[in-house]
Protein backbone atom coordinates (compact mmCIF):
# COMPACT_ATOMS: atom_id res chain seq x y z
CA MET A 1 -8.56 31.10 -0.05
CA THR A 2 -6.13 28.35 -0.41
CA THR A 3 -2.41 29.54 -0.35
CA THR A 4 -0.20 26.95 -2.33
CA PRO A 5 4.07 27.59 -1.67
CA SER A 6 5.91 29.40 -4.28
CA THR A 7 8.74 27.57 -3.85
CA ARG A 8 9.50 23.99 -3.63
CA PRO A 9 9.83 22.49 0.38
CA PRO A 10 13.09 21.88 1.63
CA GLY A 11 14.55 18.49 1.29
CA THR A 12 12.78 17.62 -2.30
CA SER A 13 14.15 17.35 -6.08
CA ALA A 14 13.81 20.06 -8.53
CA GLU A 15 12.06 17.54 -10.57
CA SER A 16 9.55 16.92 -8.06
CA ASP A 17 8.27 20.43 -8.57
CA ALA A 18 6.66 19.46 -12.00
CA LEU A 19 3.53 18.14 -10.02
CA ARG A 20 2.96 21.22 -7.86
CA ALA A 21 2.84 23.14 -10.31
CA LEU A 22 1.02 21.37 -12.67
CA TYR A 23 -1.40 21.01 -9.64
CA ALA A 24 -1.45 24.91 -8.64
CA ASP A 25 -2.32 25.45 -12.28
CA TRP A 26 -5.33 23.36 -12.48
CA ALA A 27 -6.23 25.04 -9.02
CA HIS A 28 -6.54 28.60 -10.65
CA ILE A 29 -8.40 27.43 -13.54
CA ILE A 30 -10.98 26.04 -11.28
CA ALA A 31 -10.86 29.15 -9.13
CA THR A 32 -11.42 31.15 -12.00
CA THR A 33 -13.39 29.72 -14.20
CA PRO A 34 -17.06 29.93 -12.45
CA ASP A 35 -19.04 28.18 -15.53
CA LEU A 36 -16.32 25.39 -15.80
CA THR A 37 -18.02 22.46 -17.78
CA MET A 38 -17.83 18.90 -16.71
CA ARG A 39 -16.31 17.97 -20.12
CA LEU A 40 -13.33 20.89 -19.98
CA PHE A 41 -13.11 19.66 -16.17
CA ARG A 42 -12.28 16.43 -17.22
CA SER A 43 -10.13 17.61 -19.67
CA ILE A 44 -7.88 19.02 -17.75
CA PHE A 45 -7.30 15.84 -15.32
CA ASP A 46 -6.52 14.41 -18.42
CA GLU A 47 -3.07 16.44 -18.49
CA TRP A 48 -2.40 14.19 -15.53
CA HIS A 49 0.22 12.25 -17.04
CA GLN A 50 2.62 15.14 -17.61
CA PRO A 51 4.58 14.91 -15.29
CA THR A 52 5.32 10.81 -15.81
CA ARG A 53 8.08 9.81 -18.14
CA GLU A 54 6.56 7.55 -21.09
CA PRO A 55 8.38 4.43 -19.81
CA GLU A 56 10.29 2.70 -22.04
CA ASP A 57 9.98 -1.19 -23.50
CA VAL A 58 6.34 -0.93 -22.46
CA THR A 59 3.56 -1.31 -25.24
CA TYR A 60 -0.23 -0.59 -24.66
CA ARG A 61 -3.43 -2.49 -25.94
CA GLU A 62 -7.51 -1.45 -25.16
CA GLU A 63 -9.53 -4.00 -24.49
CA THR A 64 -13.02 -4.17 -22.73
CA LEU A 65 -13.05 -6.85 -19.77
CA GLY A 66 -16.39 -7.91 -17.88
CA GLY A 67 -18.01 -4.68 -19.89
CA VAL A 68 -15.71 -2.22 -18.51
CA PRO A 69 -13.42 -1.08 -20.92
CA GLY A 70 -9.69 0.11 -19.95
CA ILE A 71 -6.18 -0.13 -21.48
CA TRP A 72 -3.52 -3.00 -20.85
CA THR A 73 -0.03 -1.81 -19.94
CA LEU A 74 2.40 -4.51 -21.14
CA PRO A 75 6.06 -4.35 -20.10
CA ALA A 76 8.20 -6.56 -22.53
CA GLY A 77 9.30 -9.61 -20.29
CA ALA A 78 6.47 -9.08 -17.59
CA ASP A 79 5.07 -12.01 -16.31
CA THR A 80 1.48 -12.02 -17.82
CA SER A 81 -0.52 -14.24 -15.04
CA LYS A 82 0.47 -11.79 -12.72
CA VAL A 83 -2.32 -8.38 -13.42
CA LEU A 84 -2.63 -5.14 -11.59
CA LEU A 85 -5.94 -3.83 -11.60
CA TYR A 86 -5.53 -0.20 -11.54
CA THR A 87 -8.50 1.83 -11.10
CA HIS A 88 -7.50 5.98 -11.75
CA GLY A 89 -8.03 8.30 -9.64
CA GLY A 90 -10.21 11.80 -9.82
CA GLY A 91 -12.60 11.79 -7.30
CA PHE A 92 -14.78 9.49 -9.15
CA ALA A 93 -15.48 12.14 -11.63
CA VAL A 94 -12.35 13.01 -13.58
CA GLY A 95 -9.31 11.11 -14.71
CA SER A 96 -9.25 7.93 -17.14
CA ALA A 97 -7.27 5.45 -18.32
CA ALA A 98 -5.75 7.38 -20.52
CA SER A 99 -4.24 10.13 -17.77
CA HIS A 100 -3.07 7.07 -15.91
CA ARG A 101 -1.44 4.54 -18.10
CA LYS A 102 2.16 5.57 -17.99
CA LEU A 103 1.63 5.71 -14.01
CA ALA A 104 0.46 2.47 -14.30
CA ALA A 105 3.12 1.20 -16.64
CA HIS A 106 5.97 2.09 -14.66
CA VAL A 107 4.75 -0.08 -11.67
CA ALA A 108 4.02 -2.75 -13.74
CA LYS A 109 7.14 -2.57 -14.83
CA ALA A 110 8.74 -2.98 -12.12
CA LEU A 111 6.79 -5.67 -10.58
CA GLY A 112 7.52 -7.45 -13.81
CA VAL A 113 3.82 -8.07 -14.23
CA VAL A 114 1.47 -6.70 -16.60
CA ALA A 115 -1.68 -3.87 -15.36
CA PHE A 116 -4.99 -3.17 -17.12
CA VAL A 117 -6.36 0.16 -16.22
CA LEU A 118 -9.97 0.84 -15.97
CA ASP A 119 -12.13 3.38 -17.74
CA TYR A 120 -15.18 2.70 -14.65
CA ARG A 121 -18.15 4.60 -15.10
CA ARG A 122 -17.74 7.99 -13.38
CA ALA A 123 -20.07 10.36 -11.36
CA PRO A 124 -22.08 12.42 -11.57
CA GLU A 125 -23.97 10.61 -14.07
CA HIS A 126 -23.06 6.93 -12.49
CA PRO A 127 -22.63 7.57 -8.35
CA HIS A 128 -21.65 4.90 -6.13
CA PRO A 129 -21.45 1.95 -6.25
CA ALA A 130 -20.95 1.85 -10.17
CA GLN A 131 -17.44 2.12 -9.87
CA VAL A 132 -17.07 -0.57 -7.46
CA GLU A 133 -19.39 -2.94 -9.80
CA ASP A 134 -17.20 -2.06 -12.46
CA GLY A 135 -13.66 -3.33 -10.39
CA VAL A 136 -15.76 -6.29 -9.33
CA ALA A 137 -16.54 -7.21 -12.89
CA VAL A 138 -13.09 -6.90 -14.34
CA PHE A 139 -11.94 -8.86 -11.21
CA THR A 140 -14.43 -11.48 -11.86
CA ALA A 141 -13.54 -11.14 -15.69
CA LEU A 142 -9.67 -11.93 -15.04
CA THR A 143 -10.47 -15.31 -12.90
CA ASP A 144 -12.83 -16.27 -15.59
CA ARG A 145 -9.94 -15.98 -17.95
CA GLY A 146 -7.48 -18.16 -15.82
CA ILE A 147 -5.95 -15.62 -13.72
CA ALA A 148 -5.64 -16.37 -9.63
CA PRO A 149 -7.24 -14.31 -7.24
CA ALA A 150 -4.10 -14.49 -5.58
CA ASP A 151 -1.82 -13.05 -8.38
CA ILE A 152 -4.18 -9.95 -8.96
CA THR A 153 -3.47 -7.20 -6.84
CA THR A 154 -5.64 -4.10 -6.69
CA ILE A 155 -4.35 -0.77 -7.35
CA GLY A 156 -5.28 2.90 -7.54
CA ASP A 157 -4.21 6.34 -6.81
CA SER A 158 -6.88 8.78 -4.79
CA ALA A 159 -10.69 8.02 -5.44
CA GLY A 160 -8.92 4.50 -7.17
CA GLY A 161 -6.91 4.52 -4.04
CA ASN A 162 -10.25 4.10 -2.54
CA LEU A 163 -11.63 1.69 -5.32
CA ALA A 164 -8.47 -0.53 -4.59
CA ILE A 165 -9.37 -1.39 -1.30
CA VAL A 166 -12.61 -1.31 -1.36
CA ILE A 167 -13.03 -3.76 -4.48
CA PRO A 168 -11.67 -6.51 -2.24
CA LEU A 169 -14.49 -5.75 0.43
CA ALA A 170 -16.91 -5.35 -2.32
CA LEU A 171 -15.51 -9.22 -3.27
CA ARG A 172 -15.70 -10.63 0.25
CA GLU A 173 -19.89 -9.50 0.74
CA GLN A 174 -20.18 -11.69 -2.27
CA GLY A 175 -18.30 -14.80 -0.74
CA LEU A 176 -15.80 -14.28 -4.01
CA PRO A 177 -12.02 -14.75 -3.67
CA LEU A 178 -9.81 -11.82 -2.77
CA PRO A 179 -7.04 -10.55 -4.58
CA GLY A 180 -3.32 -11.43 -3.66
CA ARG A 181 -2.37 -7.53 -3.09
CA VAL A 182 -3.11 -3.81 -2.32
CA ILE A 183 -1.78 -0.54 -2.98
CA ALA A 184 -2.95 2.48 -2.75
CA PHE A 185 -1.60 5.66 -3.49
CA SER A 186 -2.79 8.91 -1.73
CA PRO A 187 -6.41 7.20 -1.20
CA TRP A 188 -9.26 9.24 -0.71
CA LEU A 189 -11.52 7.72 1.91
CA ASP A 190 -13.11 10.18 4.02
CA MET A 191 -16.57 11.02 2.35
CA GLU A 192 -17.29 12.73 5.96
CA ASN A 193 -14.57 15.67 5.36
CA LYS A 194 -13.28 15.28 8.81
CA GLY A 195 -9.69 14.71 8.33
CA GLU A 196 -7.36 17.08 10.38
CA THR A 197 -5.06 17.50 7.73
CA LEU A 198 -7.46 18.97 5.48
CA VAL A 199 -6.74 21.88 8.09
CA THR A 200 -2.93 21.49 8.67
CA ASN A 201 -2.02 21.19 5.17
CA ALA A 202 -4.52 23.52 3.13
CA ALA A 203 -1.55 25.72 3.07
CA THR A 204 1.01 22.85 1.47
CA ASP A 205 -1.31 20.94 -0.67
CA ALA A 206 -1.34 22.70 -4.23
CA LEU A 207 -4.94 20.76 -5.41
CA ILE A 208 -7.15 19.79 -2.61
CA THR A 209 -9.69 21.92 -1.14
CA VAL A 210 -12.56 21.10 1.25
CA PRO A 211 -14.83 22.49 -1.82
CA LEU A 212 -13.10 20.60 -3.81
CA LEU A 213 -13.57 17.57 -2.08
CA GLU A 214 -17.47 18.34 -1.21
CA GLY A 215 -18.13 18.67 -5.06
CA MET A 216 -16.65 15.18 -5.83
CA ILE A 217 -18.59 13.95 -2.67
CA ALA A 218 -22.05 15.32 -3.69
CA GLY A 219 -21.13 13.70 -7.04
CA VAL A 220 -20.49 10.33 -6.62
CA LEU A 221 -22.99 9.83 -3.00
CA ALA A 222 -26.04 11.09 -5.78
CA GLY A 223 -26.06 14.10 -3.69
CA GLY A 224 -26.31 13.21 -0.79
CA THR A 225 -28.70 10.56 -0.80
CA ILE A 226 -25.85 7.84 0.21
CA ASP A 227 -24.76 7.67 3.46
CA PRO A 228 -21.48 8.93 3.78
CA THR A 229 -20.43 6.34 6.36
CA THR A 230 -21.18 3.30 3.52
CA PRO A 231 -18.08 1.16 4.31
CA LEU A 232 -18.25 0.47 0.26
CA ALA A 233 -17.97 4.21 -0.74
CA ASN A 234 -16.09 5.00 2.84
CA PRO A 235 -13.57 2.34 3.77
CA LEU A 236 -12.61 4.00 7.27
CA HIS A 237 -15.82 2.33 8.21
CA ALA A 238 -14.94 -1.10 7.05
CA ASP A 239 -13.99 -3.99 8.40
CA PHE A 240 -10.48 -4.94 7.67
CA THR A 241 -10.57 -8.94 9.16
CA GLY A 242 -8.72 -11.12 6.67
CA PHE A 243 -8.15 -8.29 4.12
CA PRO A 244 -4.79 -8.60 1.81
CA PRO A 245 -1.77 -7.46 2.38
CA LEU A 246 -1.52 -3.80 2.04
CA TYR A 247 0.64 -1.14 0.90
CA VAL A 248 -0.06 2.89 1.60
CA ASN A 249 1.40 5.56 0.73
CA ALA A 250 0.66 9.44 0.65
CA GLY A 251 3.09 12.62 0.19
CA GLY A 252 3.68 14.61 3.30
CA ALA A 253 2.45 18.05 2.07
CA GLU A 254 -1.14 16.89 0.74
CA SER A 255 -4.47 17.24 3.00
CA LEU A 256 -5.50 13.93 2.66
CA VAL A 257 -2.30 12.39 4.23
CA ASP A 258 -4.54 11.30 7.28
CA ASN A 259 -6.69 9.45 5.24
CA ALA A 260 -3.82 7.11 4.46
CA THR A 261 -2.60 7.05 8.16
CA ARG A 262 -5.98 6.39 9.30
CA VAL A 263 -6.94 3.42 7.14
CA ALA A 264 -3.37 2.28 7.70
CA GLU A 265 -3.98 2.21 11.42
CA LYS A 266 -7.56 0.38 11.12
CA ALA A 267 -6.43 -2.09 8.94
CA ALA A 268 -3.09 -2.88 11.11
CA ALA A 269 -5.47 -3.33 14.42
CA ALA A 270 -7.57 -5.89 12.52
CA GLY A 271 -4.61 -7.74 11.75
CA VAL A 272 -3.83 -7.21 8.66
CA ASP A 273 -0.24 -6.61 7.09
CA VAL A 274 0.88 -2.88 6.66
CA THR A 275 3.24 -1.05 5.09
CA LEU A 276 2.83 2.65 5.38
CA SER A 277 5.15 5.49 3.44
CA VAL A 278 4.32 9.31 3.62
CA VAL A 279 7.02 10.99 2.17
CA ASP A 280 8.30 14.41 3.30
CA GLY A 281 7.26 17.20 1.28
CA MET A 282 5.47 15.44 -1.88
CA GLN A 283 2.08 16.39 -3.14
CA HIS A 284 -1.32 14.29 -3.84
CA VAL A 285 -0.24 10.77 -5.84
CA PHE A 286 3.62 11.53 -5.98
CA PRO A 287 4.45 8.46 -8.04
CA PHE A 288 3.17 10.53 -11.17
CA LEU A 289 6.83 11.54 -11.23
CA ALA A 290 7.56 8.31 -12.02
CA GLY A 291 10.65 8.25 -14.46
CA ASN A 292 11.00 12.49 -13.63
CA ALA A 293 11.88 12.58 -9.85
CA PRO A 294 13.98 10.00 -7.48
CA GLU A 295 10.98 10.44 -5.09
CA ALA A 296 8.43 8.46 -7.18
CA ASP A 297 11.48 6.12 -8.53
CA THR A 298 12.37 5.37 -4.99
CA GLU A 299 8.69 4.78 -3.85
CA ILE A 300 8.01 2.39 -6.83
CA ASP A 301 11.31 0.73 -6.32
CA ALA A 302 10.19 0.29 -2.45
CA ILE A 303 7.07 -1.21 -3.71
CA ALA A 304 8.44 -3.58 -6.39
CA LYS A 305 10.43 -5.06 -3.13
CA TRP A 306 7.33 -5.22 -0.89
CA TYR A 307 5.37 -6.93 -3.84
CA ARG A 308 8.23 -9.59 -4.35
């Protein structure tokens, strides 16, 4: 059994506890509902937006790009020639453009650009590489519209952080231009579940458990028929030569923190310009607290300075 802290970590804001509390509630539902259907599982994770304050002066528009539906986040006065291609988290199986539009909008507003949040095909109905193919299709559709590849940033959280890193690798394999930058929030990369912090942070992570990850891995890797070391599924096994500048973050309390640190080390060793931010006491994808907790707002401000 995984325990979660009853009080927030020292030095963290009271506002930041909202995300931990949401995750603890989800973990309880998952643990006590053995007949949880995929429909209900997805409904639970569509609550992910709740700790995020609705950003002001942002409008939204639904569209299908490259055959992939999604939601545009359009901050007032944003530079529409610069686009964040946002891939949502949720183990490749849950989460949606709707659950992530507010987070994407906060980042887009801070950077002065627009964002397109993909509703990519989800596992287990659509295993790897469907999600990667959808990301490449949207990237290609944006460039076909005249957006310069260098003005596109792939960005995502958790499994979507994996996709944000993998989409440029897939583009490179196809001989296509790469995005100008990559941003990954708490990326989930390790399809082998070998990370040390799965053990060392088990008591402080309010959501992530090895059994939860094993179920997600089985879905996206087609029940084990796809090699978990495949670089476009597990970029910890990828070659990062020539990769764009990378910003990667994680919460210090989460079980996946060493996914962020390992990919940062691997990319830096290949000569990539890497910025790594690990914020003490924070949970998985802590930028979800945007507009409500100072830790998230400070992090997004730091990303904006990095971007510029």
